[in-house]
């Protein structure tokens, strides 16, 4: 199926952002499966978790307002302003990562600036979160692969998963044409 996606044979005519939690393996998988058509966007709500964890350190008197301001900046495409806002409150280097929410958020965003193009995704009318995908995974894939008493070889599970995704996306006939 990945080869069909990369060739544009599954109805993918334009670059289409894929959203996920920003894990490097997901970003690499997007490039491998969708080729140059695949654009990855970090899940907005996952990014917001980093901002929420840093908010208390950045503005102890109004952390929710600070977080909402940074979220609005991201949606406008001003990710550099968000990174700058975090940089102003970085913890000392000696602080362990588990006690450094600002540094963690700063590192996360700095390493993923190419995946924060929320204005483009919103303009395309696409979701900036991965919740819909996660739900689809549960209802399209797990519903079949995790039936009681079912056991699958990886090769066969991959094939069934690919077929179920094609059917769920209305692309079944494209496979055969």
N, C-alpha and C. Protein backbone atom coordinates (compact mmCIF):
# COMPACT_ATOMS: atom_id res chain seq x y z
N UNK A 1 0.82 -1.19 0.00
CA UNK A 1 0.00 0.00 0.00
C UNK A 1 0.87 1.25 0.00
N UNK A 2 1.99 1.22 0.73
CA UNK A 2 2.88 2.38 0.77
C UNK A 2 3.36 2.76 -0.61
N UNK A 3 3.67 1.77 -1.45
CA UNK A 3 4.12 2.05 -2.81
C UNK A 3 3.01 2.72 -3.60
N UNK A 4 1.77 2.27 -3.41
CA UNK A 4 0.64 2.89 -4.11
C UNK A 4 0.45 4.33 -3.65
N UNK A 5 0.62 4.58 -2.37
CA UNK A 5 0.48 5.95 -1.87
C UNK A 5 1.55 6.84 -2.48
N UNK A 6 2.79 6.36 -2.49
CA UNK A 6 3.88 7.16 -3.02
C UNK A 6 3.70 7.44 -4.50
N UNK A 7 3.05 6.54 -5.22
CA UNK A 7 2.82 6.71 -6.65
C UNK A 7 1.58 7.57 -6.92
N UNK A 8 0.86 7.92 -5.87
CA UNK A 8 -0.35 8.73 -6.05
C UNK A 8 -1.53 7.93 -6.55
N UNK A 9 -1.50 6.60 -6.41
CA UNK A 9 -2.58 5.76 -6.94
C UNK A 9 -3.71 5.55 -5.94
N UNK A 10 -3.63 6.17 -4.80
CA UNK A 10 -4.72 6.00 -3.82
C UNK A 10 -5.49 7.29 -3.65
N UNK A 11 -5.55 8.10 -4.69
CA UNK A 11 -6.36 9.30 -4.64
C UNK A 11 -5.72 10.45 -3.89
N UNK A 12 -4.42 10.42 -3.70
CA UNK A 12 -3.74 11.50 -3.02
C UNK A 12 -3.13 12.40 -4.09
N UNK A 13 -3.83 13.50 -4.41
CA UNK A 13 -3.39 14.36 -5.50
C UNK A 13 -2.47 15.48 -5.04
N UNK A 14 -2.54 15.86 -3.78
CA UNK A 14 -1.74 16.97 -3.31
C UNK A 14 -1.07 16.60 -2.00
N UNK A 15 0.01 17.32 -1.65
CA UNK A 15 0.62 17.06 -0.35
C UNK A 15 -0.42 17.26 0.74
N UNK A 16 -0.50 16.33 1.63
CA UNK A 16 -1.53 16.32 2.64
C UNK A 16 -0.88 16.11 4.00
N UNK A 17 -0.96 17.07 4.91
CA UNK A 17 -0.30 16.91 6.19
C UNK A 17 -0.85 15.73 6.98
N UNK A 18 0.03 14.99 7.60
CA UNK A 18 -0.34 13.91 8.52
C UNK A 18 0.00 14.40 9.91
N UNK A 19 -0.88 14.19 10.87
CA UNK A 19 -0.64 14.66 12.23
C UNK A 19 -0.30 13.48 13.13
N UNK A 20 0.62 13.72 14.03
CA UNK A 20 1.02 12.71 15.00
C UNK A 20 1.73 13.39 16.15
N UNK A 21 2.16 12.60 17.12
CA UNK A 21 2.72 13.19 18.34
C UNK A 21 4.14 13.71 18.19
N UNK A 22 4.73 13.65 17.02
CA UNK A 22 6.06 14.22 16.81
C UNK A 22 7.20 13.25 17.05
N UNK A 23 6.88 11.99 17.39
CA UNK A 23 7.95 11.01 17.57
C UNK A 23 8.71 10.85 16.25
N UNK A 24 10.02 10.75 16.35
CA UNK A 24 10.85 10.69 15.14
C UNK A 24 10.47 9.52 14.25
N UNK A 25 10.13 8.37 14.83
CA UNK A 25 9.80 7.21 14.00
C UNK A 25 8.52 7.47 13.18
N UNK A 26 7.58 8.25 13.72
CA UNK A 26 6.35 8.55 12.98
C UNK A 26 6.67 9.48 11.82
N UNK A 27 7.51 10.47 12.07
CA UNK A 27 7.90 11.39 11.00
C UNK A 27 8.62 10.65 9.88
N UNK A 28 9.52 9.74 10.24
CA UNK A 28 10.25 8.97 9.22
C UNK A 28 9.31 8.04 8.46
N UNK A 29 8.38 7.42 9.17
CA UNK A 29 7.41 6.53 8.53
C UNK A 29 6.54 7.29 7.52
N UNK A 30 6.17 8.51 7.87
CA UNK A 30 5.38 9.34 6.95
C UNK A 30 6.14 9.57 5.66
N UNK A 31 7.44 9.89 5.78
CA UNK A 31 8.25 10.10 4.57
C UNK A 31 8.39 8.82 3.76
N UNK A 32 8.59 7.70 4.45
CA UNK A 32 8.77 6.43 3.74
C UNK A 32 7.50 6.00 3.01
N UNK A 33 6.37 6.10 3.67
CA UNK A 33 5.12 5.62 3.09
C UNK A 33 4.56 6.57 2.03
N UNK A 34 4.61 7.87 2.31
CA UNK A 34 3.95 8.82 1.42
C UNK A 34 4.91 9.57 0.50
N UNK A 35 6.21 9.34 0.66
CA UNK A 35 7.18 9.99 -0.21
C UNK A 35 7.08 11.50 -0.14
N UNK A 36 7.35 12.16 -1.26
CA UNK A 36 7.36 13.62 -1.25
C UNK A 36 5.98 14.24 -1.03
N UNK A 37 4.92 13.43 -1.18
CA UNK A 37 3.57 13.94 -0.94
C UNK A 37 3.26 14.05 0.54
N UNK A 38 3.99 13.35 1.38
CA UNK A 38 3.67 13.31 2.80
C UNK A 38 4.28 14.46 3.56
N UNK A 39 3.45 15.25 4.19
CA UNK A 39 3.92 16.31 5.07
C UNK A 39 3.41 15.99 6.47
N UNK A 40 4.31 16.09 7.43
CA UNK A 40 3.97 15.74 8.80
C UNK A 40 3.73 17.00 9.62
N UNK A 41 2.70 16.97 10.44
CA UNK A 41 2.38 18.06 11.35
C UNK A 41 2.29 17.49 12.76
N UNK A 42 2.97 18.15 13.71
CA UNK A 42 2.88 17.70 15.10
C UNK A 42 1.46 17.95 15.61
N UNK A 43 0.92 16.97 16.26
CA UNK A 43 -0.40 17.05 16.87
C UNK A 43 -0.46 18.30 17.76
N UNK A 44 -1.39 19.19 17.47
CA UNK A 44 -1.49 20.46 18.19
C UNK A 44 -1.72 20.25 19.68
N UNK A 45 -2.49 19.25 20.02
CA UNK A 45 -2.83 19.03 21.43
C UNK A 45 -1.63 18.43 22.17
N UNK A 46 -0.80 17.68 21.46
CA UNK A 46 0.43 17.17 22.07
C UNK A 46 1.39 18.33 22.34
N UNK A 47 1.53 19.22 21.37
CA UNK A 47 2.36 20.41 21.55
C UNK A 47 1.81 21.24 22.72
N UNK A 48 0.50 21.34 22.79
CA UNK A 48 -0.15 22.11 23.86
C UNK A 48 0.15 21.52 25.24
N UNK A 49 0.33 20.22 25.32
CA UNK A 49 0.71 19.60 26.60
C UNK A 49 2.07 20.12 27.06
N UNK A 50 3.01 20.23 26.13
CA UNK A 50 4.32 20.78 26.48
C UNK A 50 4.18 22.23 26.95
N UNK A 51 3.36 23.01 26.26
CA UNK A 51 3.15 24.40 26.65
C UNK A 51 2.49 24.48 28.01
N UNK A 52 1.51 23.61 28.24
CA UNK A 52 0.83 23.60 29.53
C UNK A 52 1.76 23.27 30.68
N UNK A 53 2.67 22.33 30.45
CA UNK A 53 3.63 21.97 31.50
C UNK A 53 4.62 23.11 31.77
N UNK A 54 4.95 23.88 30.74
CA UNK A 54 5.90 24.98 30.90
C UNK A 54 5.23 26.25 31.43
N UNK A 55 3.93 26.36 31.29
CA UNK A 55 3.21 27.61 31.58
C UNK A 55 3.43 28.13 33.00
N UNK A 56 3.41 27.25 33.97
CA UNK A 56 3.56 27.67 35.37
C UNK A 56 4.92 28.35 35.59
N UNK A 57 5.95 27.84 34.95
CA UNK A 57 7.28 28.43 35.09
C UNK A 57 7.42 29.72 34.30
N UNK A 58 6.67 29.85 33.22
CA UNK A 58 6.78 31.03 32.35
C UNK A 58 5.92 32.20 32.83
N UNK A 59 4.79 31.88 33.47
CA UNK A 59 3.90 32.92 33.98
C UNK A 59 3.08 32.33 35.12
N UNK A 60 3.68 32.33 36.30
CA UNK A 60 3.06 31.69 37.46
C UNK A 60 1.71 32.31 37.83
N UNK A 61 1.52 33.60 37.53
CA UNK A 61 0.28 34.27 37.93
C UNK A 61 -0.86 34.04 36.93
N UNK A 62 -0.53 33.70 35.70
CA UNK A 62 -1.59 33.46 34.70
C UNK A 62 -1.13 32.40 33.71
N UNK A 63 -0.91 31.17 34.19
CA UNK A 63 -0.38 30.13 33.29
C UNK A 63 -1.33 29.77 32.15
N UNK A 64 -2.63 29.75 32.42
CA UNK A 64 -3.57 29.40 31.35
C UNK A 64 -3.57 30.46 30.25
N UNK A 65 -3.52 31.72 30.64
CA UNK A 65 -3.47 32.80 29.65
C UNK A 65 -2.18 32.71 28.83
N UNK A 66 -1.06 32.42 29.49
CA UNK A 66 0.22 32.29 28.78
C UNK A 66 0.14 31.15 27.75
N UNK A 67 -0.41 30.01 28.19
CA UNK A 67 -0.53 28.86 27.28
C UNK A 67 -1.42 29.20 26.08
N UNK A 68 -2.57 29.82 26.35
CA UNK A 68 -3.48 30.18 25.25
C UNK A 68 -2.82 31.17 24.28
N UNK A 69 -2.02 32.09 24.80
CA UNK A 69 -1.31 33.04 23.93
C UNK A 69 -0.35 32.29 23.01
N UNK A 70 0.38 31.32 23.57
CA UNK A 70 1.33 30.56 22.76
C UNK A 70 0.60 29.69 21.73
N UNK A 71 -0.53 29.13 22.12
CA UNK A 71 -1.32 28.33 21.18
C UNK A 71 -1.81 29.20 20.01
N UNK A 72 -2.27 30.39 20.32
CA UNK A 72 -2.73 31.31 19.27
C UNK A 72 -1.58 31.68 18.35
N UNK A 73 -0.40 31.89 18.91
CA UNK A 73 0.77 32.19 18.09
C UNK A 73 1.08 31.04 17.13
N UNK A 74 1.02 29.82 17.64
CA UNK A 74 1.27 28.66 16.77
C UNK A 74 0.27 28.59 15.63
N UNK A 75 -0.99 28.83 15.93
CA UNK A 75 -2.02 28.78 14.89
C UNK A 75 -1.83 29.89 13.85
N UNK A 76 -1.20 31.00 14.24
CA UNK A 76 -0.91 32.08 13.30
C UNK A 76 0.40 31.85 12.54
N UNK A 77 1.17 30.83 12.96
CA UNK A 77 2.45 30.56 12.30
C UNK A 77 3.63 31.26 12.93
N UNK A 78 3.47 31.75 14.13
CA UNK A 78 4.54 32.47 14.82
C UNK A 78 5.27 31.55 15.80
N UNK A 79 5.74 30.41 15.30
CA UNK A 79 6.38 29.44 16.22
C UNK A 79 7.68 30.00 16.79
N UNK A 80 8.37 30.88 16.05
CA UNK A 80 9.60 31.46 16.59
C UNK A 80 9.32 32.31 17.83
N UNK A 81 8.17 32.98 17.86
CA UNK A 81 7.80 33.75 19.05
C UNK A 81 7.56 32.84 20.24
N UNK A 82 6.98 31.68 19.99
CA UNK A 82 6.74 30.72 21.06
C UNK A 82 8.07 30.19 21.59
N UNK A 83 8.96 29.85 20.69
CA UNK A 83 10.28 29.35 21.08
C UNK A 83 11.04 30.42 21.87
N UNK A 84 10.93 31.68 21.44
CA UNK A 84 11.58 32.79 22.15
C UNK A 84 10.97 32.96 23.54
N UNK A 85 9.65 32.85 23.64
CA UNK A 85 8.98 32.97 24.94
C UNK A 85 9.44 31.88 25.90
N UNK A 86 9.63 30.68 25.38
CA UNK A 86 10.14 29.59 26.22
C UNK A 86 11.60 29.83 26.60
N UNK A 87 12.40 30.29 25.64
CA UNK A 87 13.84 30.50 25.88
C UNK A 87 14.09 31.49 27.01
N UNK A 88 13.20 32.43 27.18
CA UNK A 88 13.36 33.44 28.23
C UNK A 88 13.23 32.85 29.64
N UNK A 89 12.73 31.62 29.73
CA UNK A 89 12.49 31.01 31.05
C UNK A 89 13.16 29.65 31.22
N UNK A 90 14.16 29.36 30.40
CA UNK A 90 14.83 28.06 30.48
C UNK A 90 15.44 27.82 31.87
N UNK A 91 15.30 26.61 32.34
CA UNK A 91 15.88 26.23 33.62
C UNK A 91 17.41 26.14 33.48
N UNK A 92 18.11 26.21 34.61
CA UNK A 92 19.57 26.05 34.56
C UNK A 92 19.95 24.67 34.00
N UNK A 93 21.07 24.61 33.32
CA UNK A 93 21.55 23.35 32.70
C UNK A 93 21.62 22.20 33.70
N UNK A 94 21.94 22.50 34.95
CA UNK A 94 22.10 21.46 35.97
C UNK A 94 20.77 20.83 36.38
N UNK A 95 19.66 21.45 36.02
CA UNK A 95 18.34 20.92 36.38
C UNK A 95 18.07 19.66 35.56
N UNK A 96 17.71 18.55 36.21
CA UNK A 96 17.40 17.33 35.47
C UNK A 96 16.19 17.54 34.55
N UNK A 97 16.17 16.85 33.42
CA UNK A 97 15.08 17.01 32.45
C UNK A 97 13.70 16.80 33.06
N UNK A 98 13.57 15.85 33.97
CA UNK A 98 12.24 15.60 34.55
C UNK A 98 11.75 16.78 35.39
N UNK A 99 12.65 17.70 35.76
CA UNK A 99 12.28 18.90 36.51
C UNK A 99 12.39 20.16 35.66
N UNK A 100 12.44 20.01 34.35
CA UNK A 100 12.67 21.15 33.46
C UNK A 100 11.62 21.20 32.33
N UNK A 101 10.37 21.51 32.67
CA UNK A 101 9.33 21.51 31.64
C UNK A 101 9.53 22.57 30.55
N UNK A 102 10.14 23.69 30.88
CA UNK A 102 10.37 24.72 29.88
C UNK A 102 11.42 24.24 28.89
N UNK A 103 12.51 23.70 29.40
CA UNK A 103 13.57 23.19 28.52
C UNK A 103 13.03 22.07 27.64
N UNK A 104 12.21 21.18 28.19
CA UNK A 104 11.63 20.09 27.40
C UNK A 104 10.76 20.62 26.28
N UNK A 105 9.91 21.61 26.60
CA UNK A 105 9.07 22.22 25.58
C UNK A 105 9.88 22.96 24.53
N UNK A 106 10.88 23.68 24.98
CA UNK A 106 11.76 24.42 24.06
C UNK A 106 12.46 23.46 23.11
N UNK A 107 13.00 22.38 23.65
CA UNK A 107 13.70 21.38 22.82
C UNK A 107 12.74 20.73 21.82
N UNK A 108 11.56 20.38 22.30
CA UNK A 108 10.57 19.72 21.45
C UNK A 108 10.21 20.61 20.26
N UNK A 109 9.89 21.87 20.52
CA UNK A 109 9.49 22.77 19.45
C UNK A 109 10.67 23.12 18.53
N UNK A 110 11.82 23.37 19.12
CA UNK A 110 13.00 23.74 18.31
C UNK A 110 13.37 22.63 17.34
N UNK A 111 13.22 21.38 17.76
CA UNK A 111 13.57 20.24 16.90
C UNK A 111 12.48 19.90 15.88
N UNK A 112 11.35 20.61 15.93
CA UNK A 112 10.23 20.25 15.04
C UNK A 112 9.62 21.46 14.33
N UNK A 113 10.39 22.50 14.11
CA UNK A 113 9.82 23.71 13.49
C UNK A 113 9.23 23.41 12.12
N UNK A 114 9.77 22.42 11.42
CA UNK A 114 9.24 22.07 10.09
C UNK A 114 7.89 21.35 10.19
N UNK A 115 7.48 21.00 11.38
CA UNK A 115 6.22 20.26 11.58
C UNK A 115 5.16 21.09 12.29
N UNK A 116 5.33 22.41 12.30
CA UNK A 116 4.42 23.27 13.05
C UNK A 116 3.67 24.25 12.14
N UNK A 117 3.43 23.87 10.90
CA UNK A 117 2.77 24.76 9.95
C UNK A 117 1.26 24.66 10.08
N UNK A 118 0.75 25.07 11.23
CA UNK A 118 -0.68 24.98 11.49
C UNK A 118 -1.52 25.89 10.59
N UNK A 119 -1.06 27.09 10.23
CA UNK A 119 -1.88 27.92 9.32
C UNK A 119 -2.17 27.21 8.00
N UNK A 120 -1.19 26.52 7.45
CA UNK A 120 -1.39 25.81 6.19
C UNK A 120 -2.40 24.68 6.35
N UNK A 121 -2.27 23.91 7.41
CA UNK A 121 -3.17 22.79 7.65
C UNK A 121 -4.60 23.29 7.86
N UNK A 122 -4.74 24.34 8.65
CA UNK A 122 -6.07 24.91 8.90
C UNK A 122 -6.67 25.47 7.61
N UNK A 123 -5.84 26.10 6.78
CA UNK A 123 -6.33 26.65 5.51
C UNK A 123 -6.85 25.54 4.60
N UNK A 124 -6.21 24.37 4.67
CA UNK A 124 -6.67 23.22 3.88
C UNK A 124 -7.92 22.58 4.46
N UNK A 125 -8.32 23.04 5.64
CA UNK A 125 -9.52 22.48 6.28
C UNK A 125 -9.27 21.13 6.92
N UNK A 126 -8.02 20.85 7.24
CA UNK A 126 -7.67 19.55 7.82
C UNK A 126 -7.48 19.68 9.33
N UNK A 127 -7.62 18.58 10.05
CA UNK A 127 -7.45 18.63 11.51
C UNK A 127 -5.99 18.84 11.89
N UNK A 128 -5.76 19.54 12.98
CA UNK A 128 -4.40 19.74 13.48
C UNK A 128 -4.09 18.80 14.64
N UNK A 129 -5.01 17.91 14.91
CA UNK A 129 -4.81 16.91 15.95
C UNK A 129 -4.89 15.52 15.36
N UNK A 130 -4.40 14.55 16.09
CA UNK A 130 -4.39 13.18 15.59
C UNK A 130 -5.49 12.33 16.22
N UNK A 131 -6.38 12.94 16.99
CA UNK A 131 -7.44 12.18 17.66
C UNK A 131 -8.32 11.41 16.70
N UNK A 132 -8.64 12.01 15.55
CA UNK A 132 -9.49 11.34 14.57
C UNK A 132 -8.77 10.09 14.02
N UNK A 133 -7.47 10.21 13.81
CA UNK A 133 -6.68 9.07 13.32
C UNK A 133 -6.62 7.98 14.38
N UNK A 134 -6.39 8.39 15.61
CA UNK A 134 -6.33 7.41 16.70
C UNK A 134 -7.65 6.68 16.85
N UNK A 135 -8.75 7.40 16.69
CA UNK A 135 -10.07 6.79 16.76
C UNK A 135 -10.27 5.82 15.59
N UNK A 136 -9.85 6.24 14.40
CA UNK A 136 -9.94 5.38 13.22
C UNK A 136 -9.14 4.10 13.40
N UNK A 137 -7.98 4.23 14.02
CA UNK A 137 -7.14 3.06 14.30
C UNK A 137 -7.91 2.06 15.16
N UNK A 138 -8.57 2.60 16.15
CA UNK A 138 -9.32 1.73 17.06
C UNK A 138 -10.50 1.06 16.35
N UNK A 139 -11.22 1.82 15.53
CA UNK A 139 -12.44 1.29 14.90
C UNK A 139 -12.19 0.53 13.60
N UNK A 140 -11.19 0.92 12.85
CA UNK A 140 -10.93 0.27 11.56
C UNK A 140 -9.98 -0.92 11.73
N UNK A 141 -8.90 -0.72 12.45
CA UNK A 141 -7.89 -1.77 12.55
C UNK A 141 -8.11 -2.71 13.73
N UNK A 142 -8.18 -2.14 14.91
CA UNK A 142 -8.28 -2.99 16.09
C UNK A 142 -9.57 -3.80 16.11
N UNK A 143 -10.63 -3.25 15.54
CA UNK A 143 -11.91 -3.97 15.52
C UNK A 143 -11.76 -5.32 14.82
N UNK A 144 -10.91 -5.41 13.84
CA UNK A 144 -10.72 -6.66 13.10
C UNK A 144 -9.57 -7.48 13.65
N UNK A 145 -8.47 -6.81 13.96
CA UNK A 145 -7.26 -7.54 14.33
C UNK A 145 -7.25 -8.03 15.78
N UNK A 146 -8.08 -7.44 16.61
CA UNK A 146 -8.08 -7.83 18.02
C UNK A 146 -9.33 -8.59 18.42
N UNK A 147 -9.96 -9.26 17.47
CA UNK A 147 -11.14 -10.07 17.80
C UNK A 147 -10.73 -11.20 18.75
N UNK A 148 -11.65 -11.57 19.59
CA UNK A 148 -11.38 -12.65 20.54
C UNK A 148 -10.96 -13.92 19.80
N UNK A 149 -9.87 -14.49 20.22
CA UNK A 149 -9.39 -15.74 19.65
C UNK A 149 -8.58 -15.58 18.36
N UNK A 150 -8.46 -14.35 17.86
CA UNK A 150 -7.71 -14.13 16.62
C UNK A 150 -6.21 -14.07 16.91
N UNK A 151 -5.45 -14.70 16.03
CA UNK A 151 -4.00 -14.64 16.10
C UNK A 151 -3.50 -14.40 14.67
N UNK A 152 -2.54 -13.50 14.51
CA UNK A 152 -2.10 -13.10 13.18
C UNK A 152 -0.58 -13.19 13.04
N UNK A 153 -0.14 -13.64 11.90
CA UNK A 153 1.25 -13.47 11.52
C UNK A 153 1.38 -12.02 11.07
N UNK A 154 2.52 -11.41 11.32
CA UNK A 154 2.69 -10.00 10.98
C UNK A 154 2.38 -9.72 9.51
N UNK A 155 2.87 -10.58 8.63
CA UNK A 155 2.65 -10.38 7.19
C UNK A 155 1.16 -10.35 6.86
N UNK A 156 0.39 -11.24 7.46
CA UNK A 156 -1.04 -11.30 7.19
C UNK A 156 -1.79 -10.15 7.85
N UNK A 157 -1.39 -9.78 9.05
CA UNK A 157 -2.02 -8.65 9.74
C UNK A 157 -1.82 -7.36 8.94
N UNK A 158 -0.61 -7.16 8.41
CA UNK A 158 -0.34 -5.97 7.59
C UNK A 158 -1.25 -5.94 6.37
N UNK A 159 -1.44 -7.07 5.75
CA UNK A 159 -2.29 -7.12 4.55
C UNK A 159 -3.75 -6.81 4.88
N UNK A 160 -4.24 -7.40 5.94
CA UNK A 160 -5.62 -7.14 6.37
C UNK A 160 -5.78 -5.66 6.76
N UNK A 161 -4.80 -5.14 7.47
CA UNK A 161 -4.86 -3.72 7.87
C UNK A 161 -4.91 -2.82 6.64
N UNK A 162 -4.07 -3.10 5.67
CA UNK A 162 -4.06 -2.29 4.44
C UNK A 162 -5.41 -2.34 3.73
N UNK A 163 -5.98 -3.52 3.64
CA UNK A 163 -7.27 -3.66 2.97
C UNK A 163 -8.39 -2.93 3.72
N UNK A 164 -8.37 -3.01 5.04
CA UNK A 164 -9.41 -2.33 5.83
C UNK A 164 -9.29 -0.82 5.71
N UNK A 165 -8.07 -0.31 5.65
CA UNK A 165 -7.87 1.13 5.50
C UNK A 165 -8.36 1.57 4.12
N UNK A 166 -8.05 0.81 3.10
CA UNK A 166 -8.54 1.13 1.75
C UNK A 166 -10.06 1.21 1.73
N UNK A 167 -10.69 0.21 2.31
CA UNK A 167 -12.15 0.18 2.33
C UNK A 167 -12.72 1.35 3.12
N UNK A 168 -12.16 1.63 4.29
CA UNK A 168 -12.66 2.72 5.13
C UNK A 168 -12.51 4.08 4.45
N UNK A 169 -11.49 4.22 3.61
CA UNK A 169 -11.24 5.49 2.93
C UNK A 169 -11.90 5.60 1.57
N UNK A 170 -12.73 4.61 1.23
CA UNK A 170 -13.42 4.65 -0.05
C UNK A 170 -12.48 4.47 -1.24
N UNK A 171 -11.36 3.79 -1.02
CA UNK A 171 -10.34 3.61 -2.07
C UNK A 171 -10.24 2.17 -2.55
N UNK A 172 -11.20 1.34 -2.18
CA UNK A 172 -11.16 -0.07 -2.50
C UNK A 172 -10.98 -0.33 -3.99
N UNK A 173 -11.75 0.34 -4.82
CA UNK A 173 -11.68 0.11 -6.26
C UNK A 173 -10.36 0.56 -6.88
N UNK A 174 -9.73 1.57 -6.29
CA UNK A 174 -8.43 2.04 -6.80
C UNK A 174 -7.38 0.94 -6.71
N UNK A 175 -7.51 0.07 -5.74
CA UNK A 175 -6.55 -1.03 -5.61
C UNK A 175 -6.61 -1.96 -6.82
N UNK A 176 -7.79 -2.13 -7.36
CA UNK A 176 -7.98 -3.09 -8.44
C UNK A 176 -7.89 -2.46 -9.82
N UNK A 177 -7.85 -1.15 -9.92
CA UNK A 177 -7.77 -0.49 -11.23
C UNK A 177 -6.35 -0.12 -11.58
